[in-house]
Amino acid sequence: MSNKLLAAVFLICVTVTLTGCVAAIGNGDSRGATVGQQLVDLQKAKDSGAITDAEFQEQKARLLKRH
């Protein structure tokens, strides 16, 4: 499996897991993590080396475009 594909799968798993944690806390928002939290999660993935800076910028742009 390529490093980019592995990083993408890892990011999706982290996002799904963290979204579930936010929903389980019962913050009243059934849609999941906020945009701010998703940006924090992306930054953590970049800082840990799970995604490259280019992948971070691409995902960040997609996230901000949706909102």
N, C-alpha and C. Protein backbone atom coordinates (compact mmCIF):
# COMPACT_ATOMS: atom_id res chain seq x y z
N MET A 1 0.84 -1.16 0.00
CA MET A 1 0.00 0.00 0.00
C MET A 1 0.90 1.24 0.00
N SER A 2 0.55 2.24 -0.82
CA SER A 2 1.39 3.43 -0.89
C SER A 2 1.27 4.26 0.38
N ASN A 3 2.27 5.06 0.64
CA ASN A 3 2.27 5.91 1.83
C ASN A 3 1.11 6.89 1.83
N LYS A 4 0.77 7.44 0.67
CA LYS A 4 -0.35 8.40 0.59
C LYS A 4 -1.67 7.70 0.90
N LEU A 5 -1.85 6.51 0.38
CA LEU A 5 -3.08 5.78 0.63
C LEU A 5 -3.16 5.39 2.10
N LEU A 6 -2.07 4.94 2.66
CA LEU A 6 -2.03 4.58 4.06
C LEU A 6 -2.33 5.79 4.94
N ALA A 7 -1.76 6.93 4.61
CA ALA A 7 -2.01 8.15 5.37
C ALA A 7 -3.47 8.57 5.27
N ALA A 8 -4.05 8.45 4.09
CA ALA A 8 -5.46 8.80 3.90
C ALA A 8 -6.37 7.89 4.72
N VAL A 9 -6.09 6.61 4.72
CA VAL A 9 -6.88 5.66 5.51
C VAL A 9 -6.74 5.98 6.99
N PHE A 10 -5.52 6.27 7.43
CA PHE A 10 -5.28 6.62 8.82
C PHE A 10 -6.06 7.87 9.20
N LEU A 11 -6.02 8.89 8.35
CA LEU A 11 -6.73 10.14 8.62
C LEU A 11 -8.24 9.91 8.72
N ILE A 12 -8.77 9.11 7.84
CA ILE A 12 -10.20 8.81 7.88
C ILE A 12 -10.55 8.09 9.18
N CYS A 13 -9.73 7.12 9.56
CA CYS A 13 -9.99 6.39 10.81
C CYS A 13 -9.93 7.31 12.02
N VAL A 14 -8.93 8.18 12.05
CA VAL A 14 -8.81 9.14 13.16
C VAL A 14 -10.01 10.06 13.20
N THR A 15 -10.40 10.58 12.06
CA THR A 15 -11.54 11.49 11.99
C THR A 15 -12.82 10.81 12.44
N VAL A 16 -13.06 9.60 11.97
CA VAL A 16 -14.26 8.87 12.37
C VAL A 16 -14.25 8.59 13.88
N THR A 17 -13.10 8.19 14.39
CA THR A 17 -12.99 7.90 15.81
C THR A 17 -13.24 9.14 16.64
N LEU A 18 -12.59 10.25 16.27
CA LEU A 18 -12.76 11.48 17.04
C LEU A 18 -14.17 12.05 16.91
N THR A 19 -14.77 11.90 15.75
CA THR A 19 -16.14 12.35 15.58
C THR A 19 -17.07 11.56 16.49
N GLY A 20 -16.82 10.27 16.61
CA GLY A 20 -17.62 9.43 17.51
C GLY A 20 -17.44 9.85 18.95
N CYS A 21 -16.23 10.24 19.32
CA CYS A 21 -15.98 10.70 20.69
C CYS A 21 -16.73 11.98 20.99
N VAL A 22 -16.74 12.89 20.03
CA VAL A 22 -17.45 14.15 20.22
C VAL A 22 -18.95 13.89 20.36
N ALA A 23 -19.48 13.02 19.52
CA ALA A 23 -20.91 12.71 19.59
C ALA A 23 -21.25 12.00 20.89
N ALA A 24 -20.36 11.16 21.37
CA ALA A 24 -20.62 10.41 22.60
C ALA A 24 -20.63 11.32 23.83
N ILE A 25 -19.95 12.43 23.75
CA ILE A 25 -19.92 13.36 24.88
C ILE A 25 -21.30 14.00 25.05
N GLY A 26 -22.04 14.08 23.97
CA GLY A 26 -23.38 14.64 24.07
C GLY A 26 -23.38 16.15 24.05
N ASN A 27 -22.66 16.72 23.12
CA ASN A 27 -22.59 18.18 23.04
C ASN A 27 -23.80 18.79 22.35
N GLY A 28 -24.77 17.96 21.97
CA GLY A 28 -25.98 18.46 21.35
C GLY A 28 -25.87 18.62 19.84
N ASP A 29 -24.71 18.45 19.29
CA ASP A 29 -24.51 18.58 17.87
C ASP A 29 -24.36 17.19 17.27
N SER A 30 -25.41 16.70 16.65
CA SER A 30 -25.39 15.33 16.13
C SER A 30 -24.60 15.22 14.84
N ARG A 31 -24.13 16.33 14.27
CA ARG A 31 -23.39 16.28 13.01
C ARG A 31 -21.94 15.89 13.21
N GLY A 32 -21.46 15.88 14.42
CA GLY A 32 -20.07 15.47 14.65
C GLY A 32 -19.18 16.63 15.02
N ALA A 33 -17.93 16.48 14.69
CA ALA A 33 -16.92 17.46 15.07
C ALA A 33 -17.14 18.79 14.35
N THR A 34 -16.78 19.87 15.02
CA THR A 34 -16.86 21.19 14.42
C THR A 34 -15.76 21.36 13.39
N VAL A 35 -15.89 22.39 12.58
CA VAL A 35 -14.85 22.69 11.60
C VAL A 35 -13.53 22.95 12.32
N GLY A 36 -13.60 23.68 13.42
CA GLY A 36 -12.39 23.96 14.18
C GLY A 36 -11.72 22.69 14.66
N GLN A 37 -12.51 21.75 15.17
CA GLN A 37 -11.94 20.50 15.66
C GLN A 37 -11.35 19.68 14.52
N GLN A 38 -12.02 19.70 13.37
CA GLN A 38 -11.49 18.98 12.22
C GLN A 38 -10.17 19.59 11.76
N LEU A 39 -10.05 20.91 11.83
CA LEU A 39 -8.79 21.56 11.48
C LEU A 39 -7.69 21.18 12.46
N VAL A 40 -8.04 21.13 13.75
CA VAL A 40 -7.07 20.70 14.77
C VAL A 40 -6.63 19.27 14.49
N ASP A 41 -7.57 18.41 14.16
CA ASP A 41 -7.24 17.01 13.86
C ASP A 41 -6.32 16.91 12.64
N LEU A 42 -6.60 17.72 11.62
CA LEU A 42 -5.73 17.72 10.44
C LEU A 42 -4.32 18.17 10.81
N GLN A 43 -4.22 19.21 11.64
CA GLN A 43 -2.91 19.70 12.05
C GLN A 43 -2.15 18.63 12.83
N LYS A 44 -2.86 17.92 13.70
CA LYS A 44 -2.22 16.84 14.46
C LYS A 44 -1.71 15.74 13.54
N ALA A 45 -2.52 15.42 12.52
CA ALA A 45 -2.11 14.39 11.56
C ALA A 45 -0.85 14.84 10.81
N LYS A 46 -0.80 16.12 10.45
CA LYS A 46 0.38 16.65 9.76
C LYS A 46 1.59 16.64 10.69
N ASP A 47 1.39 17.11 11.92
CA ASP A 47 2.49 17.18 12.89
C ASP A 47 3.05 15.80 13.22
N SER A 48 2.20 14.79 13.21
CA SER A 48 2.65 13.44 13.53
C SER A 48 3.30 12.74 12.34
N GLY A 49 3.19 13.35 11.17
CA GLY A 49 3.77 12.76 9.97
C GLY A 49 2.82 11.83 9.23
N ALA A 50 1.57 11.76 9.69
CA ALA A 50 0.60 10.88 9.04
C ALA A 50 0.22 11.39 7.66
N ILE A 51 0.26 12.71 7.48
CA ILE A 51 0.00 13.30 6.17
C ILE A 51 1.07 14.34 5.88
N THR A 52 1.29 14.60 4.61
CA THR A 52 2.28 15.60 4.20
C THR A 52 1.66 16.99 4.28
N ASP A 53 2.50 18.02 4.15
CA ASP A 53 2.00 19.38 4.14
C ASP A 53 1.06 19.60 2.96
N ALA A 54 1.39 19.02 1.82
CA ALA A 54 0.52 19.16 0.64
C ALA A 54 -0.85 18.51 0.88
N GLU A 55 -0.85 17.34 1.50
CA GLU A 55 -2.12 16.67 1.82
C GLU A 55 -2.90 17.48 2.84
N PHE A 56 -2.20 18.05 3.81
CA PHE A 56 -2.85 18.90 4.81
C PHE A 56 -3.53 20.09 4.13
N GLN A 57 -2.81 20.76 3.24
CA GLN A 57 -3.36 21.93 2.56
C GLN A 57 -4.57 21.55 1.71
N GLU A 58 -4.50 20.40 1.05
CA GLU A 58 -5.61 19.94 0.22
C GLU A 58 -6.85 19.64 1.06
N GLN A 59 -6.66 18.91 2.16
CA GLN A 59 -7.79 18.57 3.03
C GLN A 59 -8.37 19.81 3.71
N LYS A 60 -7.50 20.71 4.09
CA LYS A 60 -7.95 21.96 4.72
C LYS A 60 -8.80 22.77 3.75
N ALA A 61 -8.36 22.87 2.50
CA ALA A 61 -9.11 23.60 1.48
C ALA A 61 -10.48 22.96 1.25
N ARG A 62 -10.50 21.63 1.20
CA ARG A 62 -11.80 20.93 1.01
C ARG A 62 -12.73 21.19 2.18
N LEU A 63 -12.19 21.12 3.37
CA LEU A 63 -13.00 21.33 4.57
C LEU A 63 -13.58 22.75 4.60
N LEU A 64 -12.75 23.73 4.33
CA LEU A 64 -13.19 25.12 4.38
C LEU A 64 -14.15 25.44 3.24
N LYS A 65 -13.99 24.76 2.11
CA LYS A 65 -14.89 24.98 0.97
C LYS A 65 -16.32 24.49 1.29
N ARG A 66 -16.39 23.41 2.08
CA ARG A 66 -17.71 22.85 2.44
C ARG A 66 -18.46 23.75 3.41
N HIS A 67 -17.74 24.57 4.12
CA HIS A 67 -18.38 25.39 5.16
C HIS A 67 -18.26 26.81 4.79
